[in-house]
Amino acid sequence: MAYSKSLVVLFTMLFLAPSILATDPDPLQDFCVADLDGKAISVNGHTCKPMSEAGEDFLFSSKLAMAGNTSTPNGSAVTELDVAEWPGTNTLGVSMNRVDFAPGGTNPPHIHPRATEIGIVMKGELLVGIIGSLDSGNKLYSKVLRAGETFLIPRGLMHFQFNVGKTEASMVVSFNSQNPGIVFVPLTVFGSNPPIPTPVLTKALRVDAGVVELLKSKFAAGL
């Protein structure tokens, strides 16, 4: 009887093994340069250009070498280098951003829904803030970082950076996603399309309708 049970367990394990073990987490080719104009259906990433058409530019980029224009309402400029800007990152699970700050500039509270972020301050002094989930009691973790110092932001946590120095500042960040995505909290709440109904926000934020309408007007044109 025990022998029969052992055979049943063995055959069950052999039957389930392909579904448990048949994974291929690594790329199946040296590179898969995204065909951004491709019409084929894709599930997670873009279809690949033929290798003969890829050239060599997909391996190199100078886009982050130049500072962005910080003459914006937030006093900051984000230069993205995700799959849309650097098709060579397609399927590789990596991307980068550069953020430049005027004195007093901020990269407002936001979330990357698809990536963990790691960054390094290249110039100036930045207050980096990370807000934990409700499980942590919405704890704020923050620190002023200077050139050469780094920070880590777990996937999905709200965070921000603020230039506390008297000079311009900049940072470079990396993501473990070719398309990390971004949800700017103030823009999402007050600038959604179509707008979130005002009664929803007055109840959620515990303020008068006039305050909500004022904030909506501030973000009607985006960031």
N, C-alpha and C. Protein backbone atom coordinates (compact mmCIF):
# COMPACT_ATOMS: atom_id res chain seq x y z
N MET A 1 0.83 -1.21 0.00
CA MET A 1 0.00 0.00 0.00
C MET A 1 0.86 1.26 0.00
N ALA A 2 1.91 1.22 0.88
CA ALA A 2 2.82 2.35 0.94
C ALA A 2 3.54 2.54 -0.38
N TYR A 3 3.88 1.38 -1.03
CA TYR A 3 4.54 1.43 -2.34
C TYR A 3 3.65 2.10 -3.37
N SER A 4 2.35 1.80 -3.36
CA SER A 4 1.41 2.39 -4.30
C SER A 4 1.28 3.89 -4.08
N LYS A 5 1.24 4.30 -2.80
CA LYS A 5 1.16 5.73 -2.49
C LYS A 5 2.40 6.46 -3.00
N SER A 6 3.55 5.83 -2.86
CA SER A 6 4.79 6.46 -3.32
C SER A 6 4.77 6.66 -4.83
N LEU A 7 4.22 5.65 -5.55
CA LEU A 7 4.13 5.77 -7.01
C LEU A 7 3.19 6.92 -7.40
N VAL A 8 2.08 7.04 -6.65
CA VAL A 8 1.14 8.12 -6.94
C VAL A 8 1.82 9.47 -6.75
N VAL A 9 2.56 9.63 -5.64
CA VAL A 9 3.27 10.88 -5.38
C VAL A 9 4.30 11.16 -6.46
N LEU A 10 5.04 10.13 -6.88
CA LEU A 10 6.06 10.29 -7.90
C LEU A 10 5.46 10.74 -9.22
N PHE A 11 4.38 10.07 -9.65
CA PHE A 11 3.76 10.42 -10.93
C PHE A 11 3.14 11.82 -10.87
N THR A 12 2.61 12.18 -9.70
CA THR A 12 2.04 13.52 -9.54
C THR A 12 3.12 14.58 -9.69
N MET A 13 4.29 14.35 -9.07
CA MET A 13 5.40 15.29 -9.17
C MET A 13 5.90 15.41 -10.59
N LEU A 14 5.98 14.26 -11.30
CA LEU A 14 6.44 14.29 -12.68
C LEU A 14 5.45 15.03 -13.58
N PHE A 15 4.16 14.88 -13.28
CA PHE A 15 3.12 15.54 -14.06
C PHE A 15 3.17 17.04 -13.86
N LEU A 16 3.41 17.47 -12.60
CA LEU A 16 3.41 18.90 -12.28
C LEU A 16 4.73 19.58 -12.58
N ALA A 17 5.80 18.82 -12.73
CA ALA A 17 7.13 19.41 -12.89
C ALA A 17 7.22 20.41 -14.02
N PRO A 18 6.68 20.12 -15.22
CA PRO A 18 6.80 21.11 -16.30
C PRO A 18 6.18 22.45 -15.95
N SER A 19 5.01 22.43 -15.28
CA SER A 19 4.36 23.69 -14.95
C SER A 19 5.09 24.42 -13.85
N ILE A 20 5.80 23.69 -12.99
CA ILE A 20 6.52 24.32 -11.88
C ILE A 20 7.89 24.82 -12.32
N LEU A 21 8.56 24.01 -13.14
CA LEU A 21 9.96 24.28 -13.45
C LEU A 21 10.18 24.91 -14.82
N ALA A 22 9.20 24.85 -15.70
CA ALA A 22 9.40 25.33 -17.07
C ALA A 22 9.29 26.85 -17.14
N THR A 23 10.33 27.51 -16.73
CA THR A 23 10.40 28.97 -16.80
C THR A 23 11.65 29.36 -17.56
N ASP A 24 11.63 30.54 -18.13
CA ASP A 24 12.77 31.03 -18.88
C ASP A 24 12.92 32.52 -18.58
N PRO A 25 13.47 32.85 -17.39
CA PRO A 25 13.51 34.25 -16.97
C PRO A 25 14.51 35.10 -17.75
N ASP A 26 15.40 34.47 -18.48
CA ASP A 26 16.43 35.22 -19.20
C ASP A 26 16.02 35.46 -20.65
N PRO A 27 16.55 36.50 -21.28
CA PRO A 27 16.23 36.74 -22.70
C PRO A 27 16.63 35.55 -23.56
N LEU A 28 15.89 35.36 -24.62
CA LEU A 28 16.15 34.24 -25.51
C LEU A 28 17.09 34.61 -26.65
N GLN A 29 17.54 35.85 -26.69
CA GLN A 29 18.45 36.30 -27.73
C GLN A 29 19.36 37.38 -27.15
N ASP A 30 20.40 37.74 -27.89
CA ASP A 30 21.32 38.76 -27.39
C ASP A 30 20.60 40.08 -27.13
N PHE A 31 19.73 40.44 -28.03
CA PHE A 31 18.98 41.68 -27.87
C PHE A 31 17.68 41.59 -28.65
N CYS A 32 16.75 42.45 -28.28
CA CYS A 32 15.44 42.51 -28.96
C CYS A 32 15.08 43.98 -29.07
N VAL A 33 15.70 44.67 -30.02
CA VAL A 33 15.46 46.09 -30.20
C VAL A 33 14.00 46.31 -30.56
N ALA A 34 13.32 47.15 -29.79
CA ALA A 34 11.88 47.33 -29.96
C ALA A 34 11.54 47.94 -31.31
N ASP A 35 10.60 47.33 -31.98
CA ASP A 35 10.02 47.91 -33.20
C ASP A 35 8.82 48.74 -32.75
N LEU A 36 9.05 50.01 -32.45
CA LEU A 36 8.01 50.85 -31.87
C LEU A 36 6.86 51.10 -32.84
N ASP A 37 7.11 50.88 -34.12
CA ASP A 37 6.05 51.04 -35.12
C ASP A 37 5.43 49.72 -35.53
N GLY A 38 5.85 48.65 -34.87
CA GLY A 38 5.35 47.34 -35.24
C GLY A 38 3.87 47.19 -34.96
N LYS A 39 3.19 46.44 -35.79
CA LYS A 39 1.75 46.25 -35.66
C LYS A 39 1.40 44.92 -35.01
N ALA A 40 2.40 44.09 -34.79
CA ALA A 40 2.12 42.78 -34.21
C ALA A 40 1.67 42.93 -32.76
N ILE A 41 0.86 42.00 -32.30
CA ILE A 41 0.38 42.04 -30.92
C ILE A 41 1.51 41.68 -29.98
N SER A 42 1.67 42.44 -28.91
CA SER A 42 2.68 42.14 -27.91
C SER A 42 2.01 42.03 -26.55
N VAL A 43 2.56 41.18 -25.69
CA VAL A 43 1.99 40.97 -24.37
C VAL A 43 2.73 41.77 -23.32
N ASN A 44 4.04 41.69 -23.33
CA ASN A 44 4.84 42.40 -22.33
C ASN A 44 6.12 42.87 -23.00
N GLY A 45 6.03 44.01 -23.65
CA GLY A 45 7.16 44.52 -24.41
C GLY A 45 6.76 44.68 -25.86
N HIS A 46 7.70 45.09 -26.67
CA HIS A 46 7.44 45.31 -28.09
C HIS A 46 8.02 44.17 -28.90
N THR A 47 7.50 44.00 -30.11
CA THR A 47 8.09 43.02 -31.02
C THR A 47 9.49 43.47 -31.41
N CYS A 48 10.30 42.54 -31.89
CA CYS A 48 11.70 42.82 -32.19
C CYS A 48 11.89 43.22 -33.65
N LYS A 49 12.80 44.16 -33.84
CA LYS A 49 13.28 44.41 -35.19
C LYS A 49 14.18 43.24 -35.62
N PRO A 50 14.26 42.96 -36.91
CA PRO A 50 15.25 41.98 -37.36
C PRO A 50 16.65 42.42 -36.93
N MET A 51 17.47 41.50 -36.51
CA MET A 51 18.80 41.85 -36.03
C MET A 51 19.60 42.59 -37.10
N SER A 52 19.34 42.29 -38.36
CA SER A 52 20.09 42.94 -39.43
C SER A 52 19.73 44.42 -39.54
N GLU A 53 18.61 44.85 -38.95
CA GLU A 53 18.19 46.24 -39.01
C GLU A 53 18.44 46.99 -37.70
N ALA A 54 19.01 46.30 -36.73
CA ALA A 54 19.17 46.91 -35.41
C ALA A 54 20.30 47.92 -35.35
N GLY A 55 21.33 47.75 -36.17
CA GLY A 55 22.48 48.64 -36.11
C GLY A 55 23.21 48.48 -34.79
N GLU A 56 23.85 49.57 -34.33
CA GLU A 56 24.57 49.53 -33.05
C GLU A 56 24.10 50.60 -32.08
N ASP A 57 23.26 51.55 -32.55
CA ASP A 57 22.85 52.65 -31.69
C ASP A 57 22.07 52.18 -30.48
N PHE A 58 21.45 51.00 -30.56
CA PHE A 58 20.66 50.55 -29.43
C PHE A 58 21.51 50.27 -28.20
N LEU A 59 22.81 50.12 -28.37
CA LEU A 59 23.70 49.86 -27.25
C LEU A 59 24.21 51.13 -26.58
N PHE A 60 24.06 52.27 -27.24
CA PHE A 60 24.67 53.50 -26.74
C PHE A 60 23.66 54.65 -26.80
N SER A 61 23.75 55.55 -25.82
CA SER A 61 22.88 56.72 -25.82
C SER A 61 23.59 57.86 -25.09
N SER A 62 23.41 59.07 -25.60
CA SER A 62 23.97 60.25 -24.94
C SER A 62 22.87 61.16 -24.41
N LYS A 63 21.66 60.65 -24.37
CA LYS A 63 20.51 61.49 -24.02
C LYS A 63 20.61 62.06 -22.61
N LEU A 64 21.17 61.29 -21.68
CA LEU A 64 21.24 61.76 -20.30
C LEU A 64 22.43 62.67 -20.04
N ALA A 65 23.22 62.93 -21.07
CA ALA A 65 24.40 63.78 -20.89
C ALA A 65 24.04 65.25 -20.74
N MET A 66 22.87 65.64 -21.24
CA MET A 66 22.46 67.04 -21.22
C MET A 66 21.40 67.28 -20.16
N ALA A 67 21.54 68.40 -19.44
CA ALA A 67 20.56 68.77 -18.42
C ALA A 67 19.25 69.18 -19.07
N GLY A 68 18.16 68.89 -18.39
CA GLY A 68 16.85 69.30 -18.88
C GLY A 68 16.53 70.73 -18.50
N ASN A 69 15.50 71.28 -19.10
CA ASN A 69 15.07 72.65 -18.83
C ASN A 69 14.21 72.68 -17.58
N THR A 70 14.70 73.31 -16.54
CA THR A 70 13.99 73.31 -15.25
C THR A 70 13.02 74.48 -15.12
N SER A 71 12.78 75.21 -16.20
CA SER A 71 11.82 76.32 -16.16
C SER A 71 10.40 75.76 -16.29
N THR A 72 9.99 75.00 -15.30
CA THR A 72 8.68 74.37 -15.26
C THR A 72 8.00 74.75 -13.96
N PRO A 73 6.68 74.53 -13.85
CA PRO A 73 6.01 74.86 -12.59
C PRO A 73 6.62 74.18 -11.37
N ASN A 74 7.17 72.97 -11.56
CA ASN A 74 7.78 72.26 -10.44
C ASN A 74 9.26 72.62 -10.24
N GLY A 75 9.83 73.36 -11.19
CA GLY A 75 11.25 73.66 -11.09
C GLY A 75 12.13 72.45 -11.29
N SER A 76 11.65 71.49 -12.07
CA SER A 76 12.43 70.28 -12.33
C SER A 76 12.18 69.80 -13.75
N ALA A 77 13.06 68.95 -14.23
CA ALA A 77 12.92 68.39 -15.58
C ALA A 77 13.36 66.94 -15.54
N VAL A 78 12.50 66.05 -16.04
CA VAL A 78 12.79 64.62 -16.09
C VAL A 78 13.14 64.23 -17.52
N THR A 79 14.32 63.66 -17.70
CA THR A 79 14.73 63.13 -19.00
C THR A 79 14.65 61.62 -18.91
N GLU A 80 13.71 61.03 -19.66
CA GLU A 80 13.46 59.60 -19.57
C GLU A 80 14.31 58.83 -20.57
N LEU A 81 14.66 57.64 -20.17
CA LEU A 81 15.39 56.74 -21.05
C LEU A 81 14.82 55.34 -20.87
N ASP A 82 13.51 55.23 -21.15
CA ASP A 82 12.85 53.94 -21.10
C ASP A 82 12.78 53.35 -22.50
N VAL A 83 11.99 52.31 -22.68
CA VAL A 83 11.99 51.61 -23.97
C VAL A 83 11.51 52.51 -25.11
N ALA A 84 10.65 53.47 -24.80
CA ALA A 84 10.17 54.36 -25.86
C ALA A 84 11.27 55.29 -26.35
N GLU A 85 12.23 55.61 -25.48
CA GLU A 85 13.33 56.50 -25.84
C GLU A 85 14.60 55.73 -26.22
N TRP A 86 14.71 54.52 -25.76
CA TRP A 86 15.89 53.69 -26.02
C TRP A 86 15.42 52.27 -26.31
N PRO A 87 15.01 52.00 -27.54
CA PRO A 87 14.38 50.72 -27.87
C PRO A 87 15.22 49.49 -27.55
N GLY A 88 16.51 49.67 -27.39
CA GLY A 88 17.37 48.53 -27.07
C GLY A 88 17.10 47.93 -25.70
N THR A 89 16.42 48.66 -24.82
CA THR A 89 16.13 48.11 -23.49
C THR A 89 14.97 47.11 -23.53
N ASN A 90 14.31 46.99 -24.66
CA ASN A 90 13.15 46.11 -24.78
C ASN A 90 13.47 44.70 -24.30
N THR A 91 12.65 44.17 -23.42
CA THR A 91 12.73 42.83 -22.81
C THR A 91 13.87 42.66 -21.81
N LEU A 92 14.71 43.68 -21.62
CA LEU A 92 15.86 43.52 -20.73
C LEU A 92 15.56 43.92 -19.29
N GLY A 93 14.44 44.60 -19.05
CA GLY A 93 14.06 44.92 -17.69
C GLY A 93 14.91 45.98 -17.03
N VAL A 94 15.42 46.96 -17.82
CA VAL A 94 16.20 48.06 -17.26
C VAL A 94 15.84 49.36 -17.97
N SER A 95 15.96 50.47 -17.26
CA SER A 95 15.82 51.79 -17.86
C SER A 95 16.40 52.80 -16.88
N MET A 96 16.51 54.05 -17.34
CA MET A 96 17.12 55.11 -16.52
C MET A 96 16.38 56.42 -16.74
N ASN A 97 16.50 57.30 -15.76
CA ASN A 97 16.04 58.68 -15.89
C ASN A 97 17.11 59.61 -15.35
N ARG A 98 17.11 60.83 -15.86
CA ARG A 98 17.87 61.92 -15.25
C ARG A 98 16.87 62.98 -14.83
N VAL A 99 17.06 63.53 -13.63
CA VAL A 99 16.19 64.60 -13.16
C VAL A 99 17.06 65.77 -12.74
N ASP A 100 16.75 66.94 -13.29
CA ASP A 100 17.46 68.17 -12.95
C ASP A 100 16.52 69.09 -12.16
N PHE A 101 17.10 69.83 -11.21
CA PHE A 101 16.32 70.67 -10.31
C PHE A 101 16.88 72.08 -10.25
N ALA A 102 16.01 73.06 -10.38
CA ALA A 102 16.39 74.43 -10.05
C ALA A 102 16.39 74.55 -8.53
N PRO A 103 17.03 75.58 -7.96
CA PRO A 103 16.93 75.78 -6.51
C PRO A 103 15.46 75.85 -6.08
N GLY A 104 15.09 75.04 -5.09
CA GLY A 104 13.71 74.99 -4.65
C GLY A 104 12.82 74.12 -5.52
N GLY A 105 13.37 73.49 -6.54
CA GLY A 105 12.58 72.64 -7.43
C GLY A 105 12.26 71.30 -6.80
N THR A 106 11.18 70.69 -7.26
CA THR A 106 10.78 69.40 -6.71
C THR A 106 10.36 68.44 -7.80
N ASN A 107 10.61 67.18 -7.57
CA ASN A 107 10.01 66.09 -8.34
C ASN A 107 8.86 65.62 -7.48
N PRO A 108 7.61 66.01 -7.79
CA PRO A 108 6.52 65.88 -6.84
C PRO A 108 6.20 64.44 -6.48
N PRO A 109 5.45 64.24 -5.39
CA PRO A 109 5.13 62.88 -4.96
C PRO A 109 4.58 62.04 -6.12
N HIS A 110 5.18 60.87 -6.31
CA HIS A 110 4.79 60.00 -7.40
C HIS A 110 5.10 58.56 -7.07
N ILE A 111 4.61 57.67 -7.93
CA ILE A 111 4.76 56.22 -7.75
C ILE A 111 5.18 55.61 -9.08
N HIS A 112 6.06 54.62 -9.01
CA HIS A 112 6.38 53.81 -10.19
C HIS A 112 5.72 52.44 -9.98
N PRO A 113 4.63 52.18 -10.69
CA PRO A 113 3.87 50.95 -10.41
C PRO A 113 4.56 49.67 -10.83
N ARG A 114 5.56 49.77 -11.70
CA ARG A 114 6.15 48.55 -12.25
C ARG A 114 7.64 48.39 -11.96
N ALA A 115 8.19 49.16 -11.02
CA ALA A 115 9.65 49.07 -10.86
C ALA A 115 10.12 49.53 -9.49
N THR A 116 11.19 48.90 -9.03
CA THR A 116 12.00 49.42 -7.93
C THR A 116 13.00 50.40 -8.53
N GLU A 117 13.35 51.42 -7.76
CA GLU A 117 14.22 52.49 -8.26
C GLU A 117 15.46 52.59 -7.37
N ILE A 118 16.60 52.80 -7.99
CA ILE A 118 17.82 53.11 -7.25
C ILE A 118 18.45 54.32 -7.92
N GLY A 119 18.92 55.27 -7.12
CA GLY A 119 19.41 56.51 -7.69
C GLY A 119 20.65 57.03 -7.00
N ILE A 120 21.33 57.95 -7.69
CA ILE A 120 22.51 58.60 -7.14
C ILE A 120 22.42 60.10 -7.41
N VAL A 121 22.70 60.89 -6.40
CA VAL A 121 22.73 62.33 -6.56
C VAL A 121 24.04 62.70 -7.25
N MET A 122 23.93 63.41 -8.36
CA MET A 122 25.12 63.78 -9.12
C MET A 122 25.65 65.15 -8.73
N LYS A 123 24.73 66.02 -8.31
CA LYS A 123 25.12 67.40 -8.01
C LYS A 123 24.11 68.01 -7.06
N GLY A 124 24.58 68.83 -6.12
CA GLY A 124 23.68 69.56 -5.24
C GLY A 124 23.24 68.78 -4.02
N GLU A 125 22.15 69.24 -3.42
CA GLU A 125 21.61 68.64 -2.21
C GLU A 125 20.11 68.37 -2.41
N LEU A 126 19.72 67.13 -2.26
CA LEU A 126 18.33 66.76 -2.47
C LEU A 126 17.75 66.10 -1.22
N LEU A 127 16.58 66.58 -0.82
CA LEU A 127 15.81 65.88 0.20
C LEU A 127 15.03 64.78 -0.51
N VAL A 128 15.31 63.54 -0.15
CA VAL A 128 14.62 62.40 -0.74
C VAL A 128 13.66 61.86 0.31
N GLY A 129 12.38 61.77 -0.06
CA GLY A 129 11.38 61.27 0.86
C GLY A 129 10.66 60.06 0.30
N ILE A 130 10.44 59.06 1.14
CA ILE A 130 9.75 57.83 0.76
C ILE A 130 8.67 57.56 1.80
N ILE A 131 7.43 57.36 1.35
CA ILE A 131 6.33 57.13 2.27
C ILE A 131 5.95 55.66 2.24
N GLY A 132 6.00 55.03 3.40
CA GLY A 132 5.62 53.63 3.49
C GLY A 132 4.13 53.43 3.31
N SER A 133 3.72 52.20 3.13
CA SER A 133 2.31 51.87 2.97
C SER A 133 1.59 51.98 4.30
N LEU A 134 0.29 51.72 4.28
CA LEU A 134 -0.50 51.77 5.50
C LEU A 134 0.03 50.78 6.53
N ASP A 135 0.63 49.68 6.04
CA ASP A 135 1.20 48.69 6.96
C ASP A 135 2.28 49.30 7.85
N SER A 136 2.96 50.32 7.35
CA SER A 136 4.03 50.96 8.12
C SER A 136 3.52 52.15 8.92
N GLY A 137 2.19 52.40 8.84
CA GLY A 137 1.65 53.59 9.49
C GLY A 137 1.90 54.84 8.67
N ASN A 138 2.04 54.66 7.35
CA ASN A 138 2.34 55.79 6.46
C ASN A 138 3.60 56.54 6.88
N LYS A 139 4.57 55.81 7.35
CA LYS A 139 5.81 56.41 7.84
C LYS A 139 6.57 57.10 6.72
N LEU A 140 7.06 58.30 6.99
CA LEU A 140 7.90 59.03 6.06
C LEU A 140 9.37 58.77 6.38
N TYR A 141 10.09 58.26 5.40
CA TYR A 141 11.54 58.08 5.51
C TYR A 141 12.16 59.18 4.65
N SER A 142 13.01 60.00 5.22
CA SER A 142 13.57 61.10 4.43
C SER A 142 14.99 61.40 4.89
N LYS A 143 15.77 61.91 3.93
CA LYS A 143 17.15 62.27 4.23
C LYS A 143 17.66 63.22 3.16
N VAL A 144 18.48 64.18 3.57
CA VAL A 144 19.14 65.06 2.62
C VAL A 144 20.40 64.36 2.11
N LEU A 145 20.46 64.19 0.80
CA LEU A 145 21.59 63.51 0.17
C LEU A 145 22.39 64.48 -0.67
N ARG A 146 23.68 64.24 -0.73
CA ARG A 146 24.59 65.09 -1.50
C ARG A 146 25.28 64.27 -2.58
N ALA A 147 26.04 64.94 -3.41
CA ALA A 147 26.67 64.29 -4.57
C ALA A 147 27.40 63.02 -4.16
N GLY A 148 27.12 61.95 -4.89
CA GLY A 148 27.75 60.66 -4.63
C GLY A 148 26.95 59.75 -3.72
N GLU A 149 25.92 60.28 -3.07
CA GLU A 149 25.11 59.46 -2.17
C GLU A 149 23.92 58.87 -2.92
N THR A 150 23.45 57.73 -2.45
CA THR A 150 22.46 56.96 -3.18
C THR A 150 21.19 56.73 -2.36
N PHE A 151 20.14 56.32 -3.05
CA PHE A 151 18.88 56.01 -2.38
C PHE A 151 18.20 54.86 -3.10
N LEU A 152 17.30 54.21 -2.38
CA LEU A 152 16.58 53.05 -2.90
C LEU A 152 15.10 53.21 -2.60
N ILE A 153 14.26 53.01 -3.62
CA ILE A 153 12.82 53.17 -3.45
C ILE A 153 12.13 51.89 -3.88
N PRO A 154 11.53 51.16 -2.93
CA PRO A 154 10.84 49.92 -3.29
C PRO A 154 9.68 50.18 -4.25
N ARG A 155 9.41 49.20 -5.06
CA ARG A 155 8.36 49.28 -6.06
C ARG A 155 7.02 49.68 -5.43
N GLY A 156 6.36 50.64 -6.06
CA GLY A 156 5.01 51.00 -5.68
C GLY A 156 4.88 51.97 -4.53
N LEU A 157 6.00 52.37 -3.87
CA LEU A 157 5.90 53.31 -2.77
C LEU A 157 5.98 54.75 -3.28
N MET A 158 5.17 55.62 -2.67
CA MET A 158 5.18 57.03 -3.04
C MET A 158 6.49 57.66 -2.57
N HIS A 159 7.03 58.57 -3.41
CA HIS A 159 8.28 59.22 -3.04
C HIS A 159 8.40 60.57 -3.75
N PHE A 160 9.38 61.35 -3.32
CA PHE A 160 9.60 62.66 -3.91
C PHE A 160 11.05 63.07 -3.69
N GLN A 161 11.48 64.08 -4.44
CA GLN A 161 12.79 64.71 -4.22
C GLN A 161 12.59 66.23 -4.25
N PHE A 162 13.36 66.91 -3.43
CA PHE A 162 13.23 68.37 -3.32
C PHE A 162 14.62 68.98 -3.16
N ASN A 163 14.92 69.97 -3.99
CA ASN A 163 16.24 70.62 -3.94
C ASN A 163 16.28 71.60 -2.77
N VAL A 164 16.99 71.22 -1.73
CA VAL A 164 17.09 72.07 -0.54
C VAL A 164 18.31 72.98 -0.59
N GLY A 165 19.12 72.86 -1.63
CA GLY A 165 20.32 73.68 -1.73
C GLY A 165 20.07 75.00 -2.44
N LYS A 166 21.10 75.80 -2.52
CA LYS A 166 21.00 77.12 -3.16
C LYS A 166 21.47 77.10 -4.61
N THR A 167 21.89 75.94 -5.06
CA THR A 167 22.36 75.80 -6.44
C THR A 167 21.54 74.72 -7.15
N GLU A 168 21.76 74.56 -8.45
CA GLU A 168 21.08 73.50 -9.19
C GLU A 168 21.52 72.13 -8.69
N ALA A 169 20.64 71.17 -8.86
CA ALA A 169 20.94 69.80 -8.44
C ALA A 169 20.51 68.85 -9.54
N SER A 170 21.06 67.64 -9.51
CA SER A 170 20.68 66.63 -10.49
C SER A 170 20.89 65.24 -9.90
N MET A 171 20.17 64.31 -10.45
CA MET A 171 20.32 62.91 -10.03
C MET A 171 20.06 62.02 -11.23
N VAL A 172 20.57 60.80 -11.16
CA VAL A 172 20.33 59.77 -12.16
C VAL A 172 19.77 58.56 -11.44
N VAL A 173 18.69 57.99 -11.98
CA VAL A 173 18.07 56.84 -11.35
C VAL A 173 17.95 55.70 -12.35
N SER A 174 17.93 54.48 -11.84
CA SER A 174 17.77 53.29 -12.66
C SER A 174 16.57 52.49 -12.15
N PHE A 175 15.94 51.77 -13.08
CA PHE A 175 14.76 50.96 -12.76
C PHE A 175 14.96 49.53 -13.24
N ASN A 176 14.32 48.60 -12.56
CA ASN A 176 14.37 47.21 -13.02
C ASN A 176 13.17 46.91 -13.91
N SER A 177 12.89 47.83 -14.83
CA SER A 177 11.82 47.67 -15.80
C SER A 177 12.16 48.50 -17.01
N GLN A 178 11.80 48.01 -18.19
CA GLN A 178 12.01 48.80 -19.40
C GLN A 178 10.97 49.91 -19.52
N ASN A 179 9.89 49.79 -18.74
CA ASN A 179 8.81 50.78 -18.76
C ASN A 179 8.22 50.88 -17.36
N PRO A 180 8.91 51.60 -16.46
CA PRO A 180 8.50 51.61 -15.05
C PRO A 180 7.15 52.25 -14.79
N GLY A 181 6.73 53.14 -15.69
CA GLY A 181 5.47 53.84 -15.48
C GLY A 181 5.61 54.89 -14.38
N ILE A 182 4.69 55.85 -14.36
CA ILE A 182 4.72 56.87 -13.32
C ILE A 182 3.31 57.37 -13.05
N VAL A 183 3.01 57.54 -11.79
CA VAL A 183 1.73 58.09 -11.35
C VAL A 183 2.05 59.31 -10.49
N PHE A 184 1.90 60.52 -11.06
CA PHE A 184 2.09 61.73 -10.28
C PHE A 184 0.84 61.94 -9.43
N VAL A 185 1.00 61.94 -8.12
CA VAL A 185 -0.15 61.95 -7.22
C VAL A 185 -1.03 63.18 -7.41
N PRO A 186 -0.49 64.41 -7.37
CA PRO A 186 -1.38 65.57 -7.53
C PRO A 186 -2.06 65.62 -8.89
N LEU A 187 -1.33 65.25 -9.94
CA LEU A 187 -1.91 65.25 -11.28
C LEU A 187 -2.98 64.18 -11.42
N THR A 188 -2.73 63.02 -10.83
CA THR A 188 -3.69 61.93 -10.91
C THR A 188 -4.99 62.29 -10.19
N VAL A 189 -4.86 62.91 -9.03
CA VAL A 189 -6.05 63.22 -8.22
C VAL A 189 -6.82 64.40 -8.80
N PHE A 190 -6.09 65.45 -9.22
CA PHE A 190 -6.77 66.69 -9.61
C PHE A 190 -6.75 66.96 -11.12
N GLY A 191 -6.07 66.13 -11.88
CA GLY A 191 -6.00 66.36 -13.32
C GLY A 191 -6.38 65.17 -14.15
N SER A 192 -7.14 64.23 -13.58
CA SER A 192 -7.53 63.03 -14.33
C SER A 192 -8.46 63.41 -15.48
N ASN A 193 -8.55 62.52 -16.46
CA ASN A 193 -9.37 62.78 -17.64
C ASN A 193 -10.25 61.56 -17.91
N PRO A 194 -11.58 61.67 -17.70
CA PRO A 194 -12.30 62.85 -17.18
C PRO A 194 -12.03 63.06 -15.70
N PRO A 195 -12.39 64.24 -15.17
CA PRO A 195 -12.08 64.55 -13.77
C PRO A 195 -12.81 63.62 -12.80
N ILE A 196 -12.16 63.38 -11.67
CA ILE A 196 -12.84 62.70 -10.57
C ILE A 196 -13.96 63.62 -10.07
N PRO A 197 -15.17 63.13 -9.88
CA PRO A 197 -16.25 64.00 -9.41
C PRO A 197 -15.88 64.74 -8.13
N THR A 198 -16.18 66.02 -8.11
CA THR A 198 -15.83 66.85 -6.95
C THR A 198 -16.37 66.31 -5.64
N PRO A 199 -17.62 65.81 -5.57
CA PRO A 199 -18.11 65.28 -4.29
C PRO A 199 -17.26 64.13 -3.75
N VAL A 200 -16.68 63.33 -4.66
CA VAL A 200 -15.81 62.24 -4.22
C VAL A 200 -14.59 62.81 -3.50
N LEU A 201 -14.00 63.85 -4.09
CA LEU A 201 -12.79 64.44 -3.51
C LEU A 201 -13.07 65.24 -2.26
N THR A 202 -14.21 65.94 -2.22
CA THR A 202 -14.52 66.70 -0.99
C THR A 202 -14.69 65.74 0.19
N LYS A 203 -15.31 64.60 -0.07
CA LYS A 203 -15.49 63.61 1.00
C LYS A 203 -14.17 62.96 1.38
N ALA A 204 -13.38 62.59 0.36
CA ALA A 204 -12.12 61.89 0.62
C ALA A 204 -11.10 62.79 1.29
N LEU A 205 -11.03 64.06 0.86
CA LEU A 205 -10.02 64.97 1.36
C LEU A 205 -10.52 65.82 2.53
N ARG A 206 -11.83 65.78 2.79
CA ARG A 206 -12.43 66.50 3.92
C ARG A 206 -12.22 68.00 3.80
N VAL A 207 -12.47 68.51 2.58
CA VAL A 207 -12.37 69.95 2.32
C VAL A 207 -13.61 70.39 1.56
N ASP A 208 -13.76 71.71 1.44
CA ASP A 208 -14.90 72.26 0.71
C ASP A 208 -14.72 72.09 -0.80
N ALA A 209 -15.84 72.16 -1.51
CA ALA A 209 -15.80 72.01 -2.97
C ALA A 209 -14.94 73.09 -3.62
N GLY A 210 -14.93 74.29 -3.05
CA GLY A 210 -14.13 75.37 -3.63
C GLY A 210 -12.65 75.04 -3.64
N VAL A 211 -12.17 74.37 -2.60
CA VAL A 211 -10.76 73.99 -2.55
C VAL A 211 -10.45 72.97 -3.64
N VAL A 212 -11.36 72.00 -3.81
CA VAL A 212 -11.16 70.98 -4.84
C VAL A 212 -11.15 71.61 -6.23
N GLU A 213 -12.09 72.50 -6.49
CA GLU A 213 -12.16 73.15 -7.80
C GLU A 213 -10.92 73.99 -8.07
N LEU A 214 -10.40 74.64 -7.04
CA LEU A 214 -9.17 75.42 -7.20
C LEU A 214 -8.01 74.52 -7.59
N LEU A 215 -7.89 73.40 -6.90
CA LEU A 215 -6.79 72.48 -7.20
C LEU A 215 -6.96 71.85 -8.58
N LYS A 216 -8.17 71.56 -8.96
CA LYS A 216 -8.40 71.03 -10.31
C LYS A 216 -7.95 72.04 -11.37
N SER A 217 -8.21 73.30 -11.11
CA SER A 217 -7.81 74.33 -12.10
C SER A 217 -6.30 74.42 -12.22
N LYS A 218 -5.59 74.11 -11.14
CA LYS A 218 -4.13 74.17 -11.17
C LYS A 218 -3.52 73.07 -12.03
N PHE A 219 -4.24 71.94 -12.15
CA PHE A 219 -3.67 70.79 -12.87
C PHE A 219 -4.42 70.46 -14.14
N ALA A 220 -5.31 71.36 -14.56
CA ALA A 220 -6.09 71.10 -15.78
C ALA A 220 -5.20 70.97 -17.00
N ALA A 221 -4.08 71.67 -17.00
CA ALA A 221 -3.15 71.63 -18.15
C ALA A 221 -2.01 70.67 -17.93
N GLY A 222 -2.08 69.83 -16.89
CA GLY A 222 -1.00 68.88 -16.59
C GLY A 222 0.00 69.48 -15.64
N LEU A 223 1.18 68.86 -15.60
CA LEU A 223 2.23 69.33 -14.69
C LEU A 223 2.93 70.55 -15.26
